Amino acid sequence: CLALLTFSLGFRLGVALVPPAAAVRPSGHRLPQAVLLVLTSPGVSLFLAVLVERELLEAPAGLGESWQRFLGVLGQGLLQDHLHGAFLSPLLTLGAYPCWLLLWNVLFWK
């Protein structure tokens, strides 16, 4: 469904959400699955993307500078949504984040 809007966004969300969805089971060892869910959360994925972007530019940044850039990226996304009607922030908020939260529900199912 997301590929109809933007192929690259649909591909990125598919790569980020399908492996954890396939790996999470309500039985077995829950700690590795919980670590996988934390690493694939939307916020951590965006923070890691900021770190990788700085590494690819060959200008590595410390955690403090990366955190400031992460907050700047969030602010730019909200500003673009408000000013230009960009749909990335509402799409991630209404689509990807609830799916990620449902994976936590599946993990701790009794």
C-alpha atoms as a PDB file:
ATOM      1  CA  CYS A   1       0.000   0.000   0.000  1.00  0.00           C
ATOM      2  CA  LEU A   2       2.802   2.417   0.862  1.00  0.00           C
ATOM      3  CA  ALA A   3       4.596   1.652  -2.407  1.00  0.00           C
ATOM      4  CA  LEU A   4       1.763   3.392  -4.230  1.00  0.00           C
ATOM      5  CA  LEU A   5       2.591   6.645  -2.446  1.00  0.00           C
ATOM      6  CA  THR A   6       6.378   6.517  -2.566  1.00  0.00           C
ATOM      7  CA  PHE A   7       8.297   3.409  -3.542  1.00  0.00           C
ATOM      8  CA  SER A   8      11.374   4.341  -1.506  1.00  0.00           C
ATOM      9  CA  LEU A   9       9.310   4.980   1.639  1.00  0.00           C
ATOM     10  CA  GLY A  10       7.416   1.716   1.205  1.00  0.00           C
ATOM     11  CA  PHE A  11      10.669  -0.171   0.662  1.00  0.00           C
ATOM     12  CA  ARG A  12      12.319   1.433   3.727  1.00  0.00           C
ATOM     13  CA  LEU A  13       9.363   0.669   5.968  1.00  0.00           C
ATOM     14  CA  GLY A  14       9.180  -2.857   4.599  1.00  0.00           C
ATOM     15  CA  VAL A  15      12.861  -3.437   5.320  1.00  0.00           C
ATOM     16  CA  ALA A  16      12.474  -1.981   8.814  1.00  0.00           C
ATOM     17  CA  LEU A  17       9.229  -3.695   9.869  1.00  0.00           C
ATOM     18  CA  VAL A  18       9.078  -7.087   8.137  1.00  0.00           C
ATOM     19  CA  PRO A  19      12.146  -8.791   9.740  1.00  0.00           C
ATOM     20  CA  PRO A  20      11.096  -7.931  13.327  1.00  0.00           C
ATOM     21  CA  ALA A  21       7.510  -8.934  12.538  1.00  0.00           C
ATOM     22  CA  ALA A  22       8.729 -12.300  11.262  1.00  0.00           C
ATOM     23  CA  ALA A  23      11.108 -12.834  14.191  1.00  0.00           C
ATOM     24  CA  VAL A  24       8.882 -11.863  17.127  1.00  0.00           C
ATOM     25  CA  ARG A  25       7.096 -14.794  18.738  1.00  0.00           C
ATOM     26  CA  PRO A  26       5.225 -14.918  22.039  1.00  0.00           C
ATOM     27  CA  SER A  27       7.268 -17.944  23.159  1.00  0.00           C
ATOM     28  CA  GLY A  28      10.974 -18.526  23.634  1.00  0.00           C
ATOM     29  CA  HIS A  29      13.620 -16.081  24.784  1.00  0.00           C
ATOM     30  CA  ARG A  30      12.144 -12.622  24.922  1.00  0.00           C
ATOM     31  CA  LEU A  31      15.243 -10.553  25.655  1.00  0.00           C
ATOM     32  CA  PRO A  32      16.837 -10.852  22.166  1.00  0.00           C
ATOM     33  CA  GLN A  33      13.468 -10.164  20.574  1.00  0.00           C
ATOM     34  CA  ALA A  34      12.970  -7.106  22.798  1.00  0.00           C
ATOM     35  CA  VAL A  35      16.439  -5.814  21.818  1.00  0.00           C
ATOM     36  CA  LEU A  36      15.524  -6.318  18.144  1.00  0.00           C
ATOM     37  CA  LEU A  37      12.314  -4.337  18.644  1.00  0.00           C
ATOM     38  CA  VAL A  38      14.154  -1.495  20.372  1.00  0.00           C
ATOM     39  CA  LEU A  39      16.752  -1.329  17.573  1.00  0.00           C
ATOM     40  CA  THR A  40      14.041  -1.248  14.900  1.00  0.00           C
ATOM     41  CA  SER A  41      11.888   1.366  16.596  1.00  0.00           C
ATOM     42  CA  PRO A  42      11.206   4.432  14.440  1.00  0.00           C
ATOM     43  CA  GLY A  43      13.186   6.757  16.710  1.00  0.00           C
ATOM     44  CA  VAL A  44      16.261   4.542  16.983  1.00  0.00           C
ATOM     45  CA  SER A  45      16.157   3.847  13.228  1.00  0.00           C
ATOM     46  CA  LEU A  46      16.167   7.578  12.522  1.00  0.00           C
ATOM     47  CA  PHE A  47      18.986   8.192  15.021  1.00  0.00           C
ATOM     48  CA  LEU A  48      21.071   5.414  13.452  1.00  0.00           C
ATOM     49  CA  ALA A  49      20.375   6.877  10.002  1.00  0.00           C
ATOM     50  CA  VAL A  50      21.751  10.222  11.217  1.00  0.00           C
ATOM     51  CA  LEU A  51      24.883   8.467  12.529  1.00  0.00           C
ATOM     52  CA  VAL A  52      25.376   6.554   9.261  1.00  0.00           C
ATOM     53  CA  GLU A  53      24.854   9.708   7.209  1.00  0.00           C
ATOM     54  CA  ARG A  54      27.625  11.467   9.140  1.00  0.00           C
ATOM     55  CA  GLU A  55      29.924   8.465   8.672  1.00  0.00           C
ATOM     56  CA  LEU A  56      29.257   8.394   4.927  1.00  0.00           C
ATOM     57  CA  LEU A  57      30.095  12.088   4.709  1.00  0.00           C
ATOM     58  CA  GLU A  58      33.384  11.219   6.446  1.00  0.00           C
ATOM     59  CA  ALA A  59      32.616  13.704   9.202  1.00  0.00           C
ATOM     60  CA  PRO A  60      31.938  11.469  12.215  1.00  0.00           C
ATOM     61  CA  ALA A  61      30.039  13.127  15.017  1.00  0.00           C
ATOM     62  CA  GLY A  62      29.855  12.412  18.711  1.00  0.00           C
ATOM     63  CA  LEU A  63      26.663  11.331  20.415  1.00  0.00           C
ATOM     64  CA  GLY A  64      25.820  14.867  21.538  1.00  0.00           C
ATOM     65  CA  GLU A  65      26.098  16.326  18.047  1.00  0.00           C
ATOM     66  CA  SER A  66      24.225  13.346  16.588  1.00  0.00           C
ATOM     67  CA  TRP A  67      21.439  13.857  19.123  1.00  0.00           C
ATOM     68  CA  GLN A  68      21.162  17.532  18.111  1.00  0.00           C
ATOM     69  CA  ARG A  69      21.031  16.559  14.421  1.00  0.00           C
ATOM     70  CA  PHE A  70      18.370  13.934  15.243  1.00  0.00           C
ATOM     71  CA  LEU A  71      16.219  16.579  16.947  1.00  0.00           C
ATOM     72  CA  GLY A  72      16.793  18.883  13.979  1.00  0.00           C
ATOM     73  CA  VAL A  73      15.600  16.189  11.572  1.00  0.00           C
ATOM     74  CA  LEU A  74      12.451  15.679  13.656  1.00  0.00           C
ATOM     75  CA  GLY A  75      11.836  19.425  13.691  1.00  0.00           C
ATOM     76  CA  GLN A  76      12.361  19.699   9.931  1.00  0.00           C
ATOM     77  CA  GLY A  77       9.903  16.864   9.344  1.00  0.00           C
ATOM     78  CA  LEU A  78       7.234  18.569  11.438  1.00  0.00           C
ATOM     79  CA  LEU A  79       7.914  21.911   9.750  1.00  0.00           C
ATOM     80  CA  GLN A  80       7.635  20.378   6.273  1.00  0.00           C
ATOM     81  CA  ASP A  81       4.407  18.690   7.301  1.00  0.00           C
ATOM     82  CA  HIS A  82       2.969  21.971   8.549  1.00  0.00           C
ATOM     83  CA  LEU A  83       4.207  24.264   5.770  1.00  0.00           C
ATOM     84  CA  HIS A  84       4.224  22.060   2.692  1.00  0.00           C
ATOM     85  CA  GLY A  85       1.734  19.327   3.515  1.00  0.00           C
ATOM     86  CA  ALA A  86       4.405  16.613   3.394  1.00  0.00           C
ATOM     87  CA  PHE A  87       2.901  13.314   4.467  1.00  0.00           C
ATOM     88  CA  LEU A  88       5.935  11.595   6.028  1.00  0.00           C
ATOM     89  CA  SER A  89       5.328  12.584   9.663  1.00  0.00           C
ATOM     90  CA  PRO A  90       1.622  11.696   9.750  1.00  0.00           C
ATOM     91  CA  LEU A  91       2.299   8.493   7.822  1.00  0.00           C
ATOM     92  CA  LEU A  92       4.956   7.352  10.280  1.00  0.00           C
ATOM     93  CA  THR A  93       2.863   8.442  13.232  1.00  0.00           C
ATOM     94  CA  LEU A  94      -0.344   6.792  12.064  1.00  0.00           C
ATOM     95  CA  GLY A  95       1.158   3.776  10.293  1.00  0.00           C
ATOM     96  CA  ALA A  96       4.610   2.613  11.327  1.00  0.00           C
ATOM     97  CA  TYR A  97       4.584   3.431  15.023  1.00  0.00           C
ATOM     98  CA  PRO A  98       1.328   1.572  15.856  1.00  0.00           C
ATOM     99  CA  CYS A  99       2.599  -1.474  13.924  1.00  0.00           C
ATOM    100  CA  TRP A 100       5.799  -1.397  15.960  1.00  0.00           C
ATOM    101  CA  LEU A 101       3.793  -1.121  19.199  1.00  0.00           C
ATOM    102  CA  LEU A 102       1.667  -4.119  18.189  1.00  0.00           C
ATOM    103  CA  LEU A 103       4.851  -6.166  17.887  1.00  0.00           C
ATOM    104  CA  TRP A 104       5.482  -5.462  21.587  1.00  0.00           C
ATOM    105  CA  ASN A 105       1.986  -6.766  22.309  1.00  0.00           C
ATOM    106  CA  VAL A 106       2.769  -9.965  20.385  1.00  0.00           C
ATOM    107  CA  LEU A 107       6.097 -10.373  22.192  1.00  0.00           C
ATOM    108  CA  PHE A 108       4.534 -10.295  25.660  1.00  0.00           C
ATOM    109  CA  TRP A 109       1.390 -12.263  24.756  1.00  0.00           C
ATOM    110  CA  LYS A 110       0.380 -14.817  27.403  1.00  0.00           C
END
